């Protein structure tokens, strides 16, 4: 795990390393790949008594969740309700991170094991990160179909990503962005290719979810509404 200090991202943040000075939400988003961020779930609260949420998705996944948090806050969600919404979205999302170093993914907590500078792929699925074989054709098939049923976004950060990987995530319906730094800089690698498949949240559904979240029982430990039988925010072993 990296020894870098934890980065706290306000809900209006648009990158792994930038903090928006204009954001006023009490909910803080803690980077998924910081050492302090990965320990934050054991505490649940940030400095100054503000509720902190430990993101489990880095890069483009974290930016999508930051946008959802800002949107929800602007429509009356309090910090615990916004945290419950983000947790539900993460549980229903899938994400792939490809970079040239398995060791970098291991240090970030995205895979177990992995050493040396060999290309590797980490996948977020069913609420957990794991290492999977890098299958470019399968990644291309996911990207091609993803936009037809959900939000599908991709990002290429750094420089020197293999063109076959970039081409794999460059499909119709995929929002593709490029960054000079981004996740590549955060991982300390020359480049990364990311693909996110996440549930879409039309405005009407967000307000319906607000009613459900507001009426849900709250965890007796961290105070976040529980949309399931257990609190997936602070229950030991429940989070990937």
Protein backbone atom coordinates (compact mmCIF):
# COMPACT_ATOMS: atom_id res chain seq x y z
CA UNK A 1 0.00 0.00 0.00
CA UNK A 2 1.28 3.45 -0.83
CA UNK A 3 2.52 5.65 1.99
CA UNK A 4 1.24 8.78 0.29
CA UNK A 5 -0.98 10.96 2.51
CA UNK A 6 -4.70 10.66 1.87
CA UNK A 7 -6.23 13.10 -0.59
CA UNK A 8 -9.67 14.43 0.23
CA UNK A 9 -11.73 15.34 -2.81
CA UNK A 10 -14.66 17.69 -2.47
CA UNK A 11 -17.74 16.52 -4.32
CA UNK A 12 -17.12 18.95 -7.19
CA UNK A 13 -13.65 17.49 -7.83
CA UNK A 14 -12.94 16.49 -11.41
CA UNK A 15 -9.64 14.63 -11.07
CA UNK A 16 -7.64 12.50 -8.68
CA UNK A 17 -5.44 15.41 -7.66
CA UNK A 18 -7.54 18.56 -7.95
CA UNK A 19 -9.70 20.00 -5.20
CA UNK A 20 -12.51 22.39 -6.03
CA UNK A 21 -12.38 25.50 -3.86
CA UNK A 22 -15.99 26.33 -4.64
CA UNK A 23 -17.57 23.15 -3.27
CA UNK A 24 -19.46 23.56 0.01
CA UNK A 25 -20.78 20.06 0.64
CA UNK A 26 -19.94 18.63 4.06
CA UNK A 27 -19.38 15.23 2.44
CA UNK A 28 -15.75 14.58 1.63
CA UNK A 29 -14.66 11.97 -0.88
CA UNK A 30 -11.43 10.18 -0.02
CA UNK A 31 -9.34 8.88 -2.91
CA UNK A 32 -9.66 5.14 -3.48
CA UNK A 33 -5.91 4.66 -3.86
CA UNK A 34 -4.53 6.63 -0.92
CA UNK A 35 -3.26 4.90 2.21
CA UNK A 36 -5.44 7.04 4.47
CA UNK A 37 -8.36 6.56 2.11
CA UNK A 38 -8.20 2.80 2.40
CA UNK A 39 -8.19 3.08 6.19
CA UNK A 40 -10.98 5.66 6.34
CA UNK A 41 -13.76 3.07 6.40
CA UNK A 42 -12.53 1.92 9.81
CA UNK A 43 -13.23 5.41 11.16
CA UNK A 44 -16.00 6.76 8.94
CA UNK A 45 -15.40 10.43 9.68
CA UNK A 46 -13.04 13.05 8.33
CA UNK A 47 -11.40 15.95 10.10
CA UNK A 48 -13.54 18.65 11.67
CA UNK A 49 -16.43 16.27 12.23
CA UNK A 50 -17.28 16.13 8.52
CA UNK A 51 -18.52 12.82 7.15
CA UNK A 52 -16.00 11.27 4.78
CA UNK A 53 -16.71 8.66 2.15
CA UNK A 54 -13.99 6.25 1.06
CA UNK A 55 -14.30 5.82 -2.69
CA UNK A 56 -13.63 2.34 -3.96
CA UNK A 57 -13.39 3.41 -7.62
CA UNK A 58 -10.38 5.52 -8.67
CA UNK A 59 -9.91 7.60 -11.78
CA UNK A 60 -12.92 7.98 -14.02
CA UNK A 61 -15.05 5.99 -11.59
CA UNK A 62 -14.28 8.42 -8.79
CA UNK A 63 -15.03 11.39 -11.04
CA UNK A 64 -18.42 9.94 -11.98
CA UNK A 65 -19.25 9.39 -8.31
CA UNK A 66 -18.13 12.92 -7.45
CA UNK A 67 -20.57 14.26 -10.03
CA UNK A 68 -23.40 12.17 -8.58
CA UNK A 69 -22.58 13.41 -5.08
CA UNK A 70 -22.63 17.04 -6.21
CA UNK A 71 -25.95 16.53 -8.02
CA UNK A 72 -27.51 14.78 -5.04
CA UNK A 73 -26.29 17.40 -2.59
CA UNK A 74 -27.82 20.13 -4.72
CA UNK A 75 -31.16 18.36 -4.44
CA UNK A 76 -31.31 18.06 -0.71
CA UNK A 77 -29.30 14.94 0.10
CA UNK A 78 -27.45 15.22 3.41
CA UNK A 79 -24.00 13.71 3.80
CA UNK A 80 -25.15 10.31 5.14
CA UNK A 81 -27.81 10.01 2.41
CA UNK A 82 -25.30 10.93 -0.30
CA UNK A 83 -22.88 8.33 1.11
CA UNK A 84 -25.58 5.66 0.90
CA UNK A 85 -26.34 6.63 -2.71
CA UNK A 86 -22.67 6.46 -3.72
CA UNK A 87 -22.30 3.06 -2.08
CA UNK A 88 -25.31 1.72 -4.01
CA UNK A 89 -23.93 3.05 -7.32
CA UNK A 90 -20.49 1.54 -6.68
CA UNK A 91 -22.02 -1.84 -5.88
CA UNK A 92 -23.80 -1.83 -9.26
CA UNK A 93 -20.84 -0.63 -11.32
CA UNK A 94 -18.08 -2.45 -13.18
CA UNK A 95 -14.67 -0.99 -13.93
CA UNK A 96 -11.42 -2.08 -15.55
CA UNK A 97 -7.99 -0.49 -14.99
CA UNK A 98 -5.12 -1.51 -17.24
CA UNK A 99 -1.55 -0.29 -16.70
CA UNK A 100 1.98 -1.53 -17.43
CA UNK A 101 2.76 -2.43 -13.81
CA UNK A 102 1.11 -5.12 -11.72
CA UNK A 103 3.13 -3.86 -8.75
CA UNK A 104 1.49 -0.42 -9.04
CA UNK A 105 -1.98 -1.97 -8.95
CA UNK A 106 -0.98 -4.03 -5.92
CA UNK A 107 0.36 -0.97 -4.06
CA UNK A 108 -2.92 0.82 -4.76
CA UNK A 109 -4.89 -2.08 -3.30
CA UNK A 110 -6.61 -2.94 -6.59
CA UNK A 111 -5.12 -6.44 -6.84
CA UNK A 112 -3.44 -8.90 -4.51
CA UNK A 113 0.06 -9.99 -5.36
CA UNK A 114 1.74 -8.81 -8.51
CA UNK A 115 5.33 -7.68 -8.87
CA UNK A 116 7.51 -6.20 -11.56
CA UNK A 117 6.63 -4.04 -14.53
CA UNK A 118 4.38 -6.27 -16.58
CA UNK A 119 1.08 -5.25 -18.03
CA UNK A 120 -1.85 -6.04 -15.74
CA UNK A 121 -5.60 -5.54 -15.52
CA UNK A 122 -7.69 -4.97 -12.39
CA UNK A 123 -11.48 -5.35 -12.52
CA UNK A 124 -14.13 -4.05 -10.13
CA UNK A 125 -17.17 -6.33 -10.15
CA UNK A 126 -19.76 -7.39 -7.55
CA UNK A 127 -18.31 -4.95 -5.05
CA UNK A 128 -14.73 -6.23 -5.19
CA UNK A 129 -11.44 -5.63 -6.98
CA UNK A 130 -9.56 -8.56 -8.48
CA UNK A 131 -6.84 -9.22 -11.02
CA UNK A 132 -8.05 -10.62 -14.33
CA UNK A 133 -6.24 -11.62 -17.53
CA UNK A 134 -5.88 -8.79 -20.00
CA UNK A 135 -8.20 -9.71 -22.89
CA UNK A 136 -8.30 -6.83 -25.35
CA UNK A 137 -11.08 -8.33 -27.48
CA UNK A 138 -13.27 -8.90 -24.41
CA UNK A 139 -12.64 -5.32 -23.26
CA UNK A 140 -13.65 -4.06 -26.69
CA UNK A 141 -16.85 -6.13 -26.57
CA UNK A 142 -17.76 -4.68 -23.16
CA UNK A 143 -17.16 -1.15 -24.41
CA UNK A 144 -19.21 -1.75 -27.55
CA UNK A 145 -22.21 -3.02 -25.57
CA UNK A 146 -21.89 -0.91 -22.44
CA UNK A 147 -23.42 2.30 -23.75
CA UNK A 148 -26.63 0.55 -24.76
CA UNK A 149 -27.70 -0.23 -21.19
CA UNK A 150 -25.86 2.10 -18.81
CA UNK A 151 -23.35 4.90 -18.49
CA UNK A 152 -20.19 3.84 -20.31
CA UNK A 153 -17.06 5.98 -20.02
CA UNK A 154 -13.37 5.47 -20.66
CA UNK A 155 -10.20 7.37 -19.91
CA UNK A 156 -6.64 7.23 -21.16
CA UNK A 157 -4.09 8.95 -18.93
CA UNK A 158 -0.38 9.57 -19.21
CA UNK A 159 1.45 8.84 -22.44
CA UNK A 160 2.35 5.75 -24.41
CA UNK A 161 -0.73 3.57 -23.93
CA UNK A 162 -0.80 0.80 -26.56
CA UNK A 163 -3.04 1.78 -29.42
CA UNK A 164 -4.79 -1.59 -29.37
CA UNK A 165 -6.00 -0.84 -25.83
CA UNK A 166 -7.09 2.68 -26.69
CA UNK A 167 -8.93 1.36 -29.74
CA UNK A 168 -10.65 -1.26 -27.60
CA UNK A 169 -12.40 1.38 -25.46
CA UNK A 170 -13.05 3.79 -28.35
CA UNK A 171 -16.56 2.64 -29.27
CA UNK A 172 -19.86 4.30 -30.15
CA UNK A 173 -21.67 5.38 -27.01
CA UNK A 174 -18.50 5.50 -24.91
CA UNK A 175 -17.45 8.85 -23.48
CA UNK A 176 -13.68 8.80 -23.93
CA UNK A 177 -11.41 11.33 -22.24
CA UNK A 178 -7.64 11.79 -22.23
CA UNK A 179 -5.57 13.17 -19.36
CA UNK A 180 -1.92 14.14 -19.14
CA UNK A 181 -1.71 13.04 -15.51
CA UNK A 182 -4.86 11.52 -14.07
CA UNK A 183 -4.78 7.99 -12.73
CA UNK A 184 -1.41 7.27 -14.35
CA UNK A 185 0.19 9.99 -12.22
CA UNK A 186 -1.60 8.76 -9.10
CA UNK A 187 -0.37 5.20 -9.67
CA UNK A 188 3.11 6.33 -10.67
CA UNK A 189 3.01 4.60 -14.08
CA UNK A 190 3.53 5.93 -17.63
CA UNK A 191 -0.07 5.27 -18.71
CA UNK A 192 -3.44 3.79 -17.78
CA UNK A 193 -6.53 2.79 -19.73
CA UNK A 194 -9.81 2.77 -17.77
CA UNK A 195 -13.30 1.60 -18.63
CA UNK A 196 -16.37 2.25 -16.46
CA UNK A 197 -19.85 0.73 -16.77
CA UNK A 198 -22.18 2.35 -14.24
CA UNK A 199 -25.93 2.65 -13.67
CA UNK A 200 -27.54 5.72 -15.18
CA UNK A 201 -29.39 7.98 -12.74
CA UNK A 202 -32.03 10.15 -14.45
CA UNK A 203 -33.18 13.11 -12.40
CA UNK A 204 -36.50 11.52 -11.53
CA UNK A 205 -34.87 8.36 -10.23
CA UNK A 206 -32.52 10.35 -8.00
CA UNK A 207 -35.46 12.00 -6.25
CA UNK A 208 -37.21 8.63 -5.85
CA UNK A 209 -34.02 7.22 -4.37
CA UNK A 210 -33.87 10.16 -1.98
CA UNK A 211 -37.25 9.14 -0.54
CA UNK A 212 -36.11 5.54 -0.19
CA UNK A 213 -32.82 6.55 1.42
CA UNK A 214 -34.54 8.97 3.80
CA UNK A 215 -36.85 6.23 5.07
CA UNK A 216 -34.18 3.51 5.33
CA UNK A 217 -32.93 2.38 8.76
CA UNK A 218 -29.58 3.83 9.76
CA UNK A 219 -26.49 1.94 10.78
CA UNK A 220 -26.03 2.19 14.53
CA UNK A 221 -22.28 2.59 14.06
CA UNK A 222 -21.67 5.05 11.22
CA UNK A 223 -25.17 6.53 10.82
CA UNK A 224 -25.41 5.90 7.07
CA UNK A 225 -28.80 4.68 5.78
CA UNK A 226 -28.77 0.95 5.01
CA UNK A 227 -30.40 0.02 1.70
CA UNK A 228 -29.69 -3.66 2.39
CA UNK A 229 -29.70 -5.95 5.38
CA UNK A 230 -26.21 -4.90 6.51
CA UNK A 231 -24.21 -1.70 6.43
CA UNK A 232 -21.72 -2.16 3.63
CA UNK A 233 -19.83 0.96 4.66
CA UNK A 234 -18.44 -0.16 8.00
CA UNK A 235 -19.21 -3.87 8.38
CA UNK A 236 -15.80 -5.64 8.59
CA UNK A 237 -15.10 -7.63 5.44
CA UNK A 238 -18.13 -6.26 3.58
CA UNK A 239 -16.16 -3.91 1.37
CA UNK A 240 -13.72 -4.95 -1.33
